[in-house]
Amino acid sequence: MSENQTAPLVLTQNLDDADGFYAALVNAHTGLTKSQSDALNARLLLILANQIGDTVLLRAAINKARTEPNSQNSI
């Protein structure tokens, strides 16, 4: 893929162990206050955004999440 191209958003299940990931995520929040949980989510989001590293793709994901907050047709 060239520098000017961005991979499309993957909106179908793409985790090799979605249940395990969900369990780890829930476990990470166990015993935290709402404020601590929110901070964990923010840190995790920034770590994953850095891992992705594609600002165009990240903006597309933000827009998708914001415009379809209750969609059952995607992740």
Protein backbone atom coordinates (compact mmCIF):
# COMPACT_ATOMS: atom_id res chain seq x y z
CA MET A 1 0.00 0.00 0.00
CA SER A 2 1.43 3.41 -0.90
CA GLU A 3 2.04 6.18 1.63
CA ASN A 4 -1.11 8.01 0.48
CA GLN A 5 -3.41 5.00 0.85
CA THR A 6 -5.10 3.97 4.04
CA ALA A 7 -6.39 0.50 4.80
CA PRO A 8 -10.18 0.42 5.11
CA LEU A 9 -11.80 0.02 8.51
CA VAL A 10 -12.37 -3.62 9.40
CA LEU A 11 -15.94 -3.73 10.72
CA THR A 12 -16.34 -7.47 11.02
CA GLN A 13 -15.04 -9.54 13.92
CA ASN A 14 -11.27 -9.74 13.45
CA LEU A 15 -9.93 -10.92 16.82
CA ASP A 16 -8.56 -14.44 17.05
CA ASP A 17 -9.83 -14.69 20.66
CA ALA A 18 -12.58 -12.10 21.09
CA ASP A 19 -13.92 -13.73 24.26
CA GLY A 20 -10.46 -13.85 25.81
CA PHE A 21 -9.84 -10.21 24.93
CA TYR A 22 -13.18 -9.18 26.42
CA ALA A 23 -12.44 -11.13 29.60
CA ALA A 24 -9.01 -9.47 29.90
CA LEU A 25 -10.57 -6.05 29.36
CA VAL A 26 -13.26 -6.63 31.99
CA ASN A 27 -10.64 -8.02 34.38
CA ALA A 28 -8.47 -4.92 33.89
CA HIS A 29 -11.37 -2.79 35.15
CA THR A 30 -12.16 -4.95 38.17
CA GLY A 31 -11.90 -3.00 41.41
CA LEU A 32 -11.39 0.37 39.72
CA THR A 33 -13.44 3.46 40.42
CA LYS A 34 -15.31 5.08 37.52
CA SER A 35 -12.55 7.67 37.26
CA GLN A 36 -9.80 5.04 37.25
CA SER A 37 -11.72 2.98 34.69
CA ASP A 38 -12.13 6.01 32.43
CA ALA A 39 -8.40 6.74 32.73
CA LEU A 40 -7.55 3.12 31.88
CA ASN A 41 -9.78 3.34 28.78
CA ALA A 42 -8.09 6.58 27.72
CA ARG A 43 -4.60 5.12 28.14
CA LEU A 44 -5.56 1.95 26.30
CA LEU A 45 -7.08 3.94 23.45
CA LEU A 46 -3.91 6.03 23.09
CA ILE A 47 -1.67 2.95 23.18
CA LEU A 48 -3.76 1.22 20.51
CA ALA A 49 -3.96 4.39 18.39
CA ASN A 50 -0.17 4.64 18.52
CA GLN A 51 0.08 0.97 17.51
CA ILE A 52 -2.20 1.60 14.50
CA GLY A 53 -0.27 4.74 13.62
CA ASP A 54 -2.51 5.84 10.75
CA THR A 55 -4.25 9.14 11.56
CA VAL A 56 -6.60 8.91 8.57
CA LEU A 57 -7.74 5.45 9.63
CA LEU A 58 -8.10 6.57 13.25
CA ARG A 59 -10.24 9.56 12.22
CA ALA A 60 -12.44 7.24 10.16
CA ALA A 61 -12.86 4.99 13.21
CA ILE A 62 -13.75 7.98 15.40
CA ASN A 63 -16.33 9.15 12.86
CA LYS A 64 -17.80 5.65 12.55
CA ALA A 65 -18.07 5.25 16.32
CA ARG A 66 -19.58 8.70 16.77
CA THR A 67 -22.18 8.45 13.99
CA GLU A 68 -23.28 4.91 14.81
CA PRO A 69 -23.15 4.65 18.62
CA ASN A 70 -25.86 1.99 18.84
CA SER A 71 -25.22 0.09 15.63
CA GLN A 72 -25.45 -3.68 15.93
CA ASN A 73 -24.18 -4.15 12.37
CA SER A 74 -20.55 -3.51 13.16
CA ILE A 75 -18.15 -4.31 15.95
